[in-house]
Amino acid sequence: MSLYQYRIQKLFFIILSVVLISCSGSKKVKVLRLAHILDTQHPVHKSMEILGERLAKKSNGKLILKIYPSSQLGGERECLELLQIGSLDITKVSAAVLENFIPEYRVFGIPYLFRDRSHAFSVLDGKLGEEMLTQGEKFRLRGLTFYDAGSRSFYTKKKPITTPQDLESKKIRVMKSNMAIDMVNQLGGAPTLVSWGELYTALQQGVVDGAENNPPSFYTSKHYEICKYYSLDEHTTIPDVLLIGLDTWERLSDEEKKWVQEASTESKIEQRKLWAASEKKSLDAVIEAGVQITRPDKSLFEQKTQEVITTFKDQSEVLKLVKIIKSAY
């Protein structure tokens, strides 16, 4: 069986299982199925549980959220594809993965786009953020809200990353994102595509020398068991995006849409609190496990990655977004 045939077969069984599950529910209650790749201890998953609680309360039990964590229904790309064809209702993905579906989301992958977390929140909660959430409707995807995913930093097995030179020739796992690939190339590393679920083994076996992610993901994935150096260069602040399939959205009544949107917004507020607490807990835990935390001079990395923006020289819309974000307060 070819790789293509295997993927088609896997997608078929995923769709079949979701359809069977949806057919078994009560006709008086609508069940919205949410799938994501994170484990149940992750703060984003806990925020989705809050989303389900708020949705059930607002609808008086008429709308129920069923969550499938830990890649049960596939990876982020597969979940987005299931949303597009109406076989899944809601998912959470990184904006870096979403850029492969909605080009405007490439802007979030630009290194050092935001000055700090408060700057990021002001943009995502403002007019530009609202406009970005609707950009995917032409691709059958509708954004509900942005979740905080912190800032991504490098972690490695053999030595800390204190300057861009430390990344030279290092095989660094990146998401399937052109921006992430360009960034690591600019820093002198060798970007390597590995799925999140296979990364622990890839690190263990030396397929890659390191990876990059936020503190809670570094901790909950147990990558700290292998990588004992975490360098908080905070090169990108890429939000997570909670999305609903347009097919599902259009099947909801106006009242149901209101419940879903309100519950999503409320879950975002709680998610940011959970995230902040989880970041501190995660860093404390990996330090206790023997991980060496370093805080390199970010300006060295920012200077080295400035050319990444030249990839947008023919994309006026993205350059316009950069200008708006940079000038926001």
C-alpha atoms as a PDB file:
ATOM      1  CA  MET A   1       0.000   0.000   0.000  1.00  0.00           C
ATOM      2  CA  SER A   2       1.377   3.406  -0.962  1.00  0.00           C
ATOM      3  CA  LEU A   3       1.650   6.278   1.532  1.00  0.00           C
ATOM      4  CA  TYR A   4      -1.099   8.107  -0.372  1.00  0.00           C
ATOM      5  CA  GLN A   5      -3.436   5.096  -0.198  1.00  0.00           C
ATOM      6  CA  TYR A   6      -2.685   4.701   3.504  1.00  0.00           C
ATOM      7  CA  ARG A   7      -3.591   8.344   4.221  1.00  0.00           C
ATOM      8  CA  ILE A   8      -6.829   8.057   2.218  1.00  0.00           C
ATOM      9  CA  GLN A   9      -7.764   4.873   4.074  1.00  0.00           C
ATOM     10  CA  LYS A  10      -6.987   6.483   7.445  1.00  0.00           C
ATOM     11  CA  LEU A  11      -9.069   9.557   6.570  1.00  0.00           C
ATOM     12  CA  PHE A  12     -11.966   7.287   5.525  1.00  0.00           C
ATOM     13  CA  PHE A  13     -11.993   5.458   8.857  1.00  0.00           C
ATOM     14  CA  ILE A  14     -11.773   8.742  10.764  1.00  0.00           C
ATOM     15  CA  ILE A  15     -14.777  10.133   8.875  1.00  0.00           C
ATOM     16  CA  LEU A  16     -16.708   6.880   9.334  1.00  0.00           C
ATOM     17  CA  SER A  17     -16.109   6.841  13.098  1.00  0.00           C
ATOM     18  CA  VAL A  18     -17.189  10.468  13.475  1.00  0.00           C
ATOM     19  CA  VAL A  19     -20.368   9.886  11.413  1.00  0.00           C
ATOM     20  CA  LEU A  20     -21.292   6.814  13.464  1.00  0.00           C
ATOM     21  CA  ILE A  21     -20.764   8.734  16.697  1.00  0.00           C
ATOM     22  CA  SER A  22     -22.880  11.662  15.489  1.00  0.00           C
ATOM     23  CA  CYS A  23     -25.713   9.353  14.405  1.00  0.00           C
ATOM     24  CA  SER A  24     -25.931   7.774  17.850  1.00  0.00           C
ATOM     25  CA  GLY A  25     -26.819  10.973  19.689  1.00  0.00           C
ATOM     26  CA  SER A  26     -30.237  12.181  20.765  1.00  0.00           C
ATOM     27  CA  LYS A  27     -32.240  14.159  18.222  1.00  0.00           C
ATOM     28  CA  LYS A  28     -33.197  16.669  20.916  1.00  0.00           C
ATOM     29  CA  VAL A  29     -29.603  17.502  21.762  1.00  0.00           C
ATOM     30  CA  LYS A  30     -26.990  18.744  19.321  1.00  0.00           C
ATOM     31  CA  VAL A  31     -23.525  17.359  19.921  1.00  0.00           C
ATOM     32  CA  LEU A  32     -20.596  19.403  18.612  1.00  0.00           C
ATOM     33  CA  ARG A  33     -17.433  17.348  18.170  1.00  0.00           C
ATOM     34  CA  LEU A  34     -14.123  19.037  18.946  1.00  0.00           C
ATOM     35  CA  ALA A  35     -10.813  17.296  18.181  1.00  0.00           C
ATOM     36  CA  HIS A  36      -7.256  18.434  18.900  1.00  0.00           C
ATOM     37  CA  ILE A  37      -3.730  17.030  19.280  1.00  0.00           C
ATOM     38  CA  LEU A  38      -2.930  17.948  22.897  1.00  0.00           C
ATOM     39  CA  ASP A  39      -3.069  15.707  25.964  1.00  0.00           C
ATOM     40  CA  THR A  40      -5.658  16.138  28.683  1.00  0.00           C
ATOM     41  CA  GLN A  41      -3.243  17.825  31.105  1.00  0.00           C
ATOM     42  CA  HIS A  42      -2.521  20.688  28.715  1.00  0.00           C
ATOM     43  CA  PRO A  43      -4.037  24.083  29.693  1.00  0.00           C
ATOM     44  CA  VAL A  44      -5.614  24.447  26.254  1.00  0.00           C
ATOM     45  CA  HIS A  45      -7.498  21.169  26.698  1.00  0.00           C
ATOM     46  CA  LYS A  46      -8.689  22.324  30.125  1.00  0.00           C
ATOM     47  CA  SER A  47      -9.923  25.534  28.493  1.00  0.00           C
ATOM     48  CA  MET A  48     -11.930  23.476  26.028  1.00  0.00           C
ATOM     49  CA  GLU A  49     -13.542  21.663  28.934  1.00  0.00           C
ATOM     50  CA  ILE A  50     -14.564  25.102  30.235  1.00  0.00           C
ATOM     51  CA  LEU A  51     -15.892  25.876  26.753  1.00  0.00           C
ATOM     52  CA  GLY A  52     -18.067  22.757  26.963  1.00  0.00           C
ATOM     53  CA  GLU A  53     -19.333  23.651  30.444  1.00  0.00           C
ATOM     54  CA  ARG A  54     -20.256  27.205  29.398  1.00  0.00           C
ATOM     55  CA  LEU A  55     -21.927  25.985  26.216  1.00  0.00           C
ATOM     56  CA  ALA A  56     -24.050  23.426  28.073  1.00  0.00           C
ATOM     57  CA  LYS A  57     -25.068  26.038  30.641  1.00  0.00           C
ATOM     58  CA  LYS A  58     -25.954  28.743  28.104  1.00  0.00           C
ATOM     59  CA  SER A  59     -27.989  26.328  25.991  1.00  0.00           C
ATOM     60  CA  ASN A  60     -29.625  24.599  28.963  1.00  0.00           C
ATOM     61  CA  GLY A  61     -28.191  21.307  27.749  1.00  0.00           C
ATOM     62  CA  LYS A  62     -29.276  21.720  24.112  1.00  0.00           C
ATOM     63  CA  LEU A  63     -25.707  22.054  22.835  1.00  0.00           C
ATOM     64  CA  ILE A  64     -23.133  19.562  24.117  1.00  0.00           C
ATOM     65  CA  LEU A  65     -19.423  19.549  23.345  1.00  0.00           C
ATOM     66  CA  LYS A  66     -17.670  16.198  22.955  1.00  0.00           C
ATOM     67  CA  ILE A  67     -13.877  16.476  22.986  1.00  0.00           C
ATOM     68  CA  TYR A  68     -11.422  14.102  21.295  1.00  0.00           C
ATOM     69  CA  PRO A  69      -7.916  14.975  22.584  1.00  0.00           C
ATOM     70  CA  SER A  70      -4.473  13.512  21.874  1.00  0.00           C
ATOM     71  CA  SER A  71      -4.801  13.235  18.077  1.00  0.00           C
ATOM     72  CA  GLN A  72      -7.626  10.681  18.328  1.00  0.00           C
ATOM     73  CA  LEU A  73      -9.082  11.942  15.046  1.00  0.00           C
ATOM     74  CA  GLY A  74      -5.776  12.850  13.413  1.00  0.00           C
ATOM     75  CA  GLY A  75      -3.261  15.668  13.394  1.00  0.00           C
ATOM     76  CA  GLU A  76      -4.007  19.353  13.045  1.00  0.00           C
ATOM     77  CA  ARG A  77      -4.061  19.295   9.253  1.00  0.00           C
ATOM     78  CA  GLU A  78      -6.406  16.298   9.209  1.00  0.00           C
ATOM     79  CA  CYS A  79      -8.750  17.989  11.685  1.00  0.00           C
ATOM     80  CA  LEU A  80      -8.891  21.096   9.499  1.00  0.00           C
ATOM     81  CA  GLU A  81      -9.709  18.959   6.471  1.00  0.00           C
ATOM     82  CA  LEU A  82     -12.486  17.214   8.432  1.00  0.00           C
ATOM     83  CA  LEU A  83     -13.898  20.646   9.332  1.00  0.00           C
ATOM     84  CA  GLN A  84     -13.875  21.688   5.686  1.00  0.00           C
ATOM     85  CA  ILE A  85     -15.944  18.699   4.584  1.00  0.00           C
ATOM     86  CA  GLY A  86     -18.311  18.892   7.545  1.00  0.00           C
ATOM     87  CA  SER A  87     -17.227  15.643   9.255  1.00  0.00           C
ATOM     88  CA  LEU A  88     -15.953  17.459  12.375  1.00  0.00           C
ATOM     89  CA  ASP A  89     -17.368  20.561  14.022  1.00  0.00           C
ATOM     90  CA  ILE A  90     -14.611  22.363  15.958  1.00  0.00           C
ATOM     91  CA  THR A  91     -10.853  22.131  16.302  1.00  0.00           C
ATOM     92  CA  LYS A  92      -7.894  24.008  17.727  1.00  0.00           C
ATOM     93  CA  VAL A  93      -4.788  24.489  15.645  1.00  0.00           C
ATOM     94  CA  SER A  94      -1.695  26.618  15.721  1.00  0.00           C
ATOM     95  CA  ALA A  95      -1.851  29.671  13.460  1.00  0.00           C
ATOM     96  CA  ALA A  96       1.387  28.353  11.949  1.00  0.00           C
ATOM     97  CA  VAL A  97      -0.452  25.297  10.607  1.00  0.00           C
ATOM     98  CA  LEU A  98      -3.432  27.401   9.572  1.00  0.00           C
ATOM     99  CA  GLU A  99      -1.218  29.452   7.245  1.00  0.00           C
ATOM    100  CA  ASN A 100      -1.242  26.479   4.854  1.00  0.00           C
ATOM    101  CA  PHE A 101      -5.012  26.968   4.518  1.00  0.00           C
ATOM    102  CA  ILE A 102      -5.407  30.733   5.001  1.00  0.00           C
ATOM    103  CA  PRO A 103      -2.430  32.731   3.602  1.00  0.00           C
ATOM    104  CA  GLU A 104      -2.974  35.788   5.814  1.00  0.00           C
ATOM    105  CA  TYR A 105      -2.031  33.745   8.894  1.00  0.00           C
ATOM    106  CA  ARG A 106       1.567  33.643   7.693  1.00  0.00           C
ATOM    107  CA  VAL A 107       2.010  37.008   9.374  1.00  0.00           C
ATOM    108  CA  PHE A 108       2.001  35.400  12.843  1.00  0.00           C
ATOM    109  CA  GLY A 109       5.103  33.384  11.997  1.00  0.00           C
ATOM    110  CA  ILE A 110       7.281  36.470  11.577  1.00  0.00           C
ATOM    111  CA  PRO A 111       9.952  36.408  14.288  1.00  0.00           C
ATOM    112  CA  TYR A 112       9.641  39.104  16.957  1.00  0.00           C
ATOM    113  CA  LEU A 113       6.425  40.473  15.448  1.00  0.00           C
ATOM    114  CA  PHE A 114       5.039  41.366  18.885  1.00  0.00           C
ATOM    115  CA  ARG A 115       6.869  43.451  21.483  1.00  0.00           C
ATOM    116  CA  ASP A 116       5.420  41.473  24.391  1.00  0.00           C
ATOM    117  CA  ARG A 117       2.369  39.492  25.462  1.00  0.00           C
ATOM    118  CA  SER A 118       0.187  42.548  26.165  1.00  0.00           C
ATOM    119  CA  HIS A 119       0.924  43.852  22.658  1.00  0.00           C
ATOM    120  CA  ALA A 120      -0.154  40.491  21.206  1.00  0.00           C
ATOM    121  CA  PHE A 121      -3.390  40.469  23.215  1.00  0.00           C
ATOM    122  CA  SER A 122      -4.285  44.021  22.153  1.00  0.00           C
ATOM    123  CA  VAL A 123      -3.936  43.009  18.496  1.00  0.00           C
ATOM    124  CA  LEU A 124      -5.750  39.677  18.749  1.00  0.00           C
ATOM    125  CA  ASP A 125      -8.628  41.134  20.806  1.00  0.00           C
ATOM    126  CA  GLY A 126      -8.973  44.155  18.537  1.00  0.00           C
ATOM    127  CA  LYS A 127     -10.400  44.896  15.119  1.00  0.00           C
ATOM    128  CA  LEU A 128      -7.576  43.183  13.257  1.00  0.00           C
ATOM    129  CA  GLY A 129      -8.045  40.002  15.281  1.00  0.00           C
ATOM    130  CA  GLU A 130     -11.778  39.967  14.516  1.00  0.00           C
ATOM    131  CA  GLU A 131     -11.066  40.374  10.813  1.00  0.00           C
ATOM    132  CA  MET A 132      -8.489  37.578  10.876  1.00  0.00           C
ATOM    133  CA  LEU A 133     -10.996  35.154  12.399  1.00  0.00           C
ATOM    134  CA  THR A 134     -13.323  35.593   9.407  1.00  0.00           C
ATOM    135  CA  GLN A 135     -10.574  35.286   6.770  1.00  0.00           C
ATOM    136  CA  GLY A 136     -11.019  31.522   6.538  1.00  0.00           C
ATOM    137  CA  GLU A 137     -14.705  31.525   5.575  1.00  0.00           C
ATOM    138  CA  LYS A 138     -13.796  31.294   1.895  1.00  0.00           C
ATOM    139  CA  PHE A 139     -11.980  28.070   2.826  1.00  0.00           C
ATOM    140  CA  ARG A 140     -14.964  26.694   4.849  1.00  0.00           C
ATOM    141  CA  LEU A 141     -13.309  27.584   8.159  1.00  0.00           C
ATOM    142  CA  ARG A 142     -14.555  30.192  10.644  1.00  0.00           C
ATOM    143  CA  GLY A 143     -12.478  31.397  13.560  1.00  0.00           C
ATOM    144  CA  LEU A 144     -14.133  31.660  16.976  1.00  0.00           C
ATOM    145  CA  THR A 145     -11.340  33.057  19.140  1.00  0.00           C
ATOM    146  CA  PHE A 146      -7.594  33.135  19.734  1.00  0.00           C
ATOM    147  CA  TYR A 147      -6.020  31.162  22.559  1.00  0.00           C
ATOM    148  CA  ASP A 148      -2.712  32.128  24.116  1.00  0.00           C
ATOM    149  CA  ALA A 149       0.079  29.757  23.084  1.00  0.00           C
ATOM    150  CA  GLY A 150       2.901  31.704  24.696  1.00  0.00           C
ATOM    151  CA  SER A 151       6.197  32.230  22.916  1.00  0.00           C
ATOM    152  CA  ARG A 152       8.225  29.540  21.219  1.00  0.00           C
ATOM    153  CA  SER A 153      11.863  28.964  22.158  1.00  0.00           C
ATOM    154  CA  PHE A 154      14.573  26.437  21.284  1.00  0.00           C
ATOM    155  CA  TYR A 155      15.384  23.339  23.312  1.00  0.00           C
ATOM    156  CA  THR A 156      18.296  21.037  22.535  1.00  0.00           C
ATOM    157  CA  LYS A 157      19.998  17.851  23.675  1.00  0.00           C
ATOM    158  CA  LYS A 158      23.722  18.606  23.837  1.00  0.00           C
ATOM    159  CA  LYS A 159      24.344  22.339  24.382  1.00  0.00           C
ATOM    160  CA  PRO A 160      22.366  25.524  25.028  1.00  0.00           C
ATOM    161  CA  ILE A 161      21.497  28.003  22.290  1.00  0.00           C
ATOM    162  CA  THR A 162      22.933  31.317  23.443  1.00  0.00           C
ATOM    163  CA  THR A 163      23.624  32.896  20.030  1.00  0.00           C
ATOM    164  CA  PRO A 164      22.419  32.143  16.477  1.00  0.00           C
ATOM    165  CA  GLN A 165      25.821  30.545  15.801  1.00  0.00           C
ATOM    166  CA  ASP A 166      24.909  27.757  18.227  1.00  0.00           C
ATOM    167  CA  LEU A 167      22.208  26.646  15.802  1.00  0.00           C
ATOM    168  CA  GLU A 168      24.544  26.147  12.852  1.00  0.00           C
ATOM    169  CA  SER A 169      24.032  22.706  11.258  1.00  0.00           C
ATOM    170  CA  LYS A 170      21.706  21.658  14.088  1.00  0.00           C
ATOM    171  CA  LYS A 171      18.676  19.661  12.942  1.00  0.00           C
ATOM    172  CA  ILE A 172      15.740  21.483  14.514  1.00  0.00           C
ATOM    173  CA  ARG A 173      12.224  20.106  14.356  1.00  0.00           C
ATOM    174  CA  VAL A 174       9.723  22.627  13.006  1.00  0.00           C
ATOM    175  CA  MET A 175       6.016  22.540  12.240  1.00  0.00           C
ATOM    176  CA  LYS A 176       4.855  22.303   8.648  1.00  0.00           C
ATOM    177  CA  SER A 177       5.118  26.060   8.246  1.00  0.00           C
ATOM    178  CA  ASN A 178       7.071  27.892   5.566  1.00  0.00           C
ATOM    179  CA  MET A 179       7.715  30.713   7.997  1.00  0.00           C
ATOM    180  CA  ALA A 180       9.176  28.384  10.627  1.00  0.00           C
ATOM    181  CA  ILE A 181      11.373  26.749   7.988  1.00  0.00           C
ATOM    182  CA  ASP A 182      12.614  30.134   6.720  1.00  0.00           C
ATOM    183  CA  MET A 183      13.352  31.321  10.264  1.00  0.00           C
ATOM    184  CA  VAL A 184      15.516  28.314  11.191  1.00  0.00           C
ATOM    185  CA  ASN A 185      17.307  28.573   7.849  1.00  0.00           C
ATOM    186  CA  GLN A 186      18.082  32.242   8.528  1.00  0.00           C
ATOM    187  CA  LEU A 187      19.517  31.293  11.919  1.00  0.00           C
ATOM    188  CA  GLY A 188      21.819  28.735  10.326  1.00  0.00           C
ATOM    189  CA  GLY A 189      20.004  25.609  11.480  1.00  0.00           C
ATOM    190  CA  ALA A 190      18.600  22.725   9.453  1.00  0.00           C
ATOM    191  CA  PRO A 191      14.787  22.770   9.734  1.00  0.00           C
ATOM    192  CA  THR A 192      13.373  19.244   9.883  1.00  0.00           C
ATOM    193  CA  LEU A 193       9.712  18.285   9.564  1.00  0.00           C
ATOM    194  CA  VAL A 194       8.586  15.793  12.211  1.00  0.00           C
ATOM    195  CA  SER A 195       5.021  15.314  13.433  1.00  0.00           C
ATOM    196  CA  TRP A 196       4.367  16.281  17.051  1.00  0.00           C
ATOM    197  CA  GLY A 197       3.379  12.762  17.978  1.00  0.00           C
ATOM    198  CA  GLU A 198       6.657  11.333  16.644  1.00  0.00           C
ATOM    199  CA  LEU A 199       8.951  14.022  18.043  1.00  0.00           C
ATOM    200  CA  TYR A 200       9.834  12.324  21.349  1.00  0.00           C
ATOM    201  CA  THR A 201      11.180   9.297  19.498  1.00  0.00           C
ATOM    202  CA  ALA A 202      12.919  11.492  16.906  1.00  0.00           C
ATOM    203  CA  LEU A 203      14.764  13.324  19.685  1.00  0.00           C
ATOM    204  CA  GLN A 204      15.577  10.076  21.437  1.00  0.00           C
ATOM    205  CA  GLN A 205      17.004   8.473  18.304  1.00  0.00           C
ATOM    206  CA  GLY A 206      18.930  11.543  17.150  1.00  0.00           C
ATOM    207  CA  VAL A 207      16.815  12.193  14.067  1.00  0.00           C
ATOM    208  CA  VAL A 208      16.782  15.819  15.253  1.00  0.00           C
ATOM    209  CA  ASP A 209      19.072  17.697  17.649  1.00  0.00           C
ATOM    210  CA  GLY A 210      16.336  19.822  19.140  1.00  0.00           C
ATOM    211  CA  ALA A 211      13.005  21.524  18.636  1.00  0.00           C
ATOM    212  CA  GLU A 212      11.173  24.723  19.541  1.00  0.00           C
ATOM    213  CA  ASN A 213       7.985  25.279  21.470  1.00  0.00           C
ATOM    214  CA  ASN A 214       6.414  26.984  24.477  1.00  0.00           C
ATOM    215  CA  PRO A 215       7.056  25.909  28.106  1.00  0.00           C
ATOM    216  CA  PRO A 216       3.803  23.968  28.728  1.00  0.00           C
ATOM    217  CA  SER A 217       4.251  21.951  25.537  1.00  0.00           C
ATOM    218  CA  PHE A 218       7.913  21.294  26.356  1.00  0.00           C
ATOM    219  CA  TYR A 219       6.842  20.001  29.765  1.00  0.00           C
ATOM    220  CA  THR A 220       3.657  18.036  28.978  1.00  0.00           C
ATOM    221  CA  SER A 221       5.325  16.320  25.996  1.00  0.00           C
ATOM    222  CA  LYS A 222       8.106  15.107  28.335  1.00  0.00           C
ATOM    223  CA  HIS A 223      10.699  16.330  25.842  1.00  0.00           C
ATOM    224  CA  TYR A 224      12.608  17.678  28.852  1.00  0.00           C
ATOM    225  CA  GLU A 225      13.544  14.084  29.627  1.00  0.00           C
ATOM    226  CA  ILE A 226      15.805  14.162  26.567  1.00  0.00           C
ATOM    227  CA  CYS A 227      16.553  17.844  25.989  1.00  0.00           C
ATOM    228  CA  LYS A 228      18.298  19.346  28.998  1.00  0.00           C
ATOM    229  CA  TYR A 229      18.796  22.840  27.533  1.00  0.00           C
ATOM    230  CA  TYR A 230      15.952  25.318  27.074  1.00  0.00           C
ATOM    231  CA  SER A 231      16.913  28.718  25.671  1.00  0.00           C
ATOM    232  CA  LEU A 232      14.170  31.315  26.093  1.00  0.00           C
ATOM    233  CA  ASP A 233      14.852  33.381  22.975  1.00  0.00           C
ATOM    234  CA  GLU A 234      11.051  33.657  22.446  1.00  0.00           C
ATOM    235  CA  HIS A 235      11.423  34.017  18.684  1.00  0.00           C
ATOM    236  CA  THR A 236       7.743  33.764  17.809  1.00  0.00           C
ATOM    237  CA  THR A 237       4.463  34.397  19.594  1.00  0.00           C
ATOM    238  CA  ILE A 238       2.045  32.381  17.503  1.00  0.00           C
ATOM    239  CA  PRO A 239      -1.516  32.111  18.825  1.00  0.00           C
ATOM    240  CA  ASP A 240      -3.694  29.037  18.743  1.00  0.00           C
ATOM    241  CA  VAL A 241      -6.957  29.418  16.863  1.00  0.00           C
ATOM    242  CA  LEU A 242     -10.269  27.858  17.813  1.00  0.00           C
ATOM    243  CA  LEU A 243     -12.236  27.195  14.622  1.00  0.00           C
ATOM    244  CA  ILE A 244     -15.631  25.877  13.625  1.00  0.00           C
ATOM    245  CA  GLY A 245     -16.399  24.380  10.238  1.00  0.00           C
ATOM    246  CA  LEU A 246     -18.513  26.691   8.098  1.00  0.00           C
ATOM    247  CA  ASP A 247     -20.890  23.808   7.365  1.00  0.00           C
ATOM    248  CA  THR A 248     -21.518  23.402  11.091  1.00  0.00           C
ATOM    249  CA  TRP A 249     -21.790  27.146  11.667  1.00  0.00           C
ATOM    250  CA  GLU A 250     -24.388  27.562   8.923  1.00  0.00           C
ATOM    251  CA  ARG A 251     -26.486  24.731  10.398  1.00  0.00           C
ATOM    252  CA  LEU A 252     -26.749  26.540  13.731  1.00  0.00           C
ATOM    253  CA  SER A 253     -29.615  28.897  14.523  1.00  0.00           C
ATOM    254  CA  ASP A 254     -28.835  32.521  15.385  1.00  0.00           C
ATOM    255  CA  GLU A 255     -29.363  31.708  19.066  1.00  0.00           C
ATOM    256  CA  GLU A 256     -27.033  28.704  18.883  1.00  0.00           C
ATOM    257  CA  LYS A 257     -24.367  30.789  17.127  1.00  0.00           C
ATOM    258  CA  LYS A 258     -24.620  33.312  19.965  1.00  0.00           C
ATOM    259  CA  TRP A 259     -24.123  30.562  22.574  1.00  0.00           C
ATOM    260  CA  VAL A 260     -21.108  29.153  20.749  1.00  0.00           C
ATOM    261  CA  GLN A 261     -19.446  32.542  20.267  1.00  0.00           C
ATOM    262  CA  GLU A 262     -20.041  33.687  23.847  1.00  0.00           C
ATOM    263  CA  ALA A 263     -18.797  30.411  25.302  1.00  0.00           C
ATOM    264  CA  SER A 264     -15.696  30.571  23.086  1.00  0.00           C
ATOM    265  CA  THR A 265     -14.871  34.117  24.176  1.00  0.00           C
ATOM    266  CA  GLU A 266     -15.357  33.239  27.844  1.00  0.00           C
ATOM    267  CA  SER A 267     -13.144  30.171  27.487  1.00  0.00           C
ATOM    268  CA  LYS A 268     -10.415  32.406  26.025  1.00  0.00           C
ATOM    269  CA  ILE A 269     -10.437  34.597  29.139  1.00  0.00           C
ATOM    270  CA  GLU A 270     -10.084  31.550  31.386  1.00  0.00           C
ATOM    271  CA  GLN A 271      -7.507  30.000  29.075  1.00  0.00           C
ATOM    272  CA  ARG A 272      -5.147  32.937  29.486  1.00  0.00           C
ATOM    273  CA  LYS A 273      -5.251  32.535  33.273  1.00  0.00           C
ATOM    274  CA  LEU A 274      -4.628  28.806  32.990  1.00  0.00           C
ATOM    275  CA  TRP A 275      -1.822  29.406  30.508  1.00  0.00           C
ATOM    276  CA  ALA A 276       0.028  31.875  32.741  1.00  0.00           C
ATOM    277  CA  ALA A 277      -0.143  29.473  35.678  1.00  0.00           C
ATOM    278  CA  SER A 278       0.911  26.550  33.484  1.00  0.00           C
ATOM    279  CA  GLU A 279       3.929  28.417  32.099  1.00  0.00           C
ATOM    280  CA  LYS A 280       5.270  29.033  35.601  1.00  0.00           C
ATOM    281  CA  LYS A 281       4.527  25.474  36.726  1.00  0.00           C
ATOM    282  CA  SER A 282       6.162  24.032  33.601  1.00  0.00           C
ATOM    283  CA  LEU A 283       9.376  26.024  33.947  1.00  0.00           C
ATOM    284  CA  ASP A 284       9.631  25.169  37.644  1.00  0.00           C
ATOM    285  CA  ALA A 285       9.093  21.479  36.869  1.00  0.00           C
ATOM    286  CA  VAL A 286      11.691  21.212  34.081  1.00  0.00           C
ATOM    287  CA  ILE A 287      14.260  23.067  36.199  1.00  0.00           C
ATOM    288  CA  GLU A 288      13.648  20.569  39.007  1.00  0.00           C
ATOM    289  CA  ALA A 289      14.162  17.781  36.437  1.00  0.00           C
ATOM    290  CA  GLY A 290      17.615  19.136  35.608  1.00  0.00           C
ATOM    291  CA  VAL A 291      16.947  21.328  32.603  1.00  0.00           C
ATOM    292  CA  GLN A 292      19.253  24.328  32.247  1.00  0.00           C
ATOM    293  CA  ILE A 293      17.295  27.493  31.416  1.00  0.00           C
ATOM    294  CA  THR A 294      19.102  30.271  29.567  1.00  0.00           C
ATOM    295  CA  ARG A 295      17.844  33.701  28.505  1.00  0.00           C
ATOM    296  CA  PRO A 296      19.927  34.749  25.479  1.00  0.00           C
ATOM    297  CA  ASP A 297      20.138  38.244  24.032  1.00  0.00           C
ATOM    298  CA  LYS A 298      17.029  38.356  21.827  1.00  0.00           C
ATOM    299  CA  SER A 299      18.386  41.193  19.703  1.00  0.00           C
ATOM    300  CA  LEU A 300      20.993  38.846  18.214  1.00  0.00           C
ATOM    301  CA  PHE A 301      18.267  36.524  16.968  1.00  0.00           C
ATOM    302  CA  GLU A 302      16.018  39.371  15.840  1.00  0.00           C
ATOM    303  CA  GLN A 303      18.787  40.873  13.702  1.00  0.00           C
ATOM    304  CA  LYS A 304      19.585  37.507  12.150  1.00  0.00           C
ATOM    305  CA  THR A 305      15.967  36.866  11.134  1.00  0.00           C
ATOM    306  CA  GLN A 306      15.098  40.276   9.696  1.00  0.00           C
ATOM    307  CA  GLU A 307      15.325  38.989   6.133  1.00  0.00           C
ATOM    308  CA  VAL A 308      12.404  36.625   6.713  1.00  0.00           C
ATOM    309  CA  ILE A 309      10.029  39.487   5.965  1.00  0.00           C
ATOM    310  CA  THR A 310      11.439  39.739   2.415  1.00  0.00           C
ATOM    311  CA  THR A 311       9.461  36.605   1.598  1.00  0.00           C
ATOM    312  CA  PHE A 312       6.403  38.870   1.595  1.00  0.00           C
ATOM    313  CA  LYS A 313       7.757  41.399  -0.909  1.00  0.00           C
ATOM    314  CA  ASP A 314       5.055  40.432  -3.419  1.00  0.00           C
ATOM    315  CA  GLN A 315       2.294  40.065  -0.818  1.00  0.00           C
ATOM    316  CA  SER A 316       1.037  43.540  -0.098  1.00  0.00           C
ATOM    317  CA  GLU A 317      -1.793  42.317   2.143  1.00  0.00           C
ATOM    318  CA  VAL A 318       0.607  40.581   4.542  1.00  0.00           C
ATOM    319  CA  LEU A 319       2.956  43.586   4.582  1.00  0.00           C
ATOM    320  CA  LYS A 320      -0.042  45.761   5.422  1.00  0.00           C
ATOM    321  CA  LEU A 321      -0.863  43.473   8.366  1.00  0.00           C
ATOM    322  CA  VAL A 322       2.740  43.715   9.596  1.00  0.00           C
ATOM    323  CA  LYS A 323       2.535  47.513   9.541  1.00  0.00           C
ATOM    324  CA  ILE A 324      -0.754  47.543  11.455  1.00  0.00           C
ATOM    325  CA  ILE A 325       0.525  45.108  14.096  1.00  0.00           C
ATOM    326  CA  LYS A 326       3.846  46.862  14.591  1.00  0.00           C
ATOM    327  CA  SER A 327       2.108  50.217  15.099  1.00  0.00           C
ATOM    328  CA  ALA A 328      -0.535  48.865  17.520  1.00  0.00           C
ATOM    329  CA  TYR A 329      -0.325  49.685  21.236  1.00  0.00           C
END
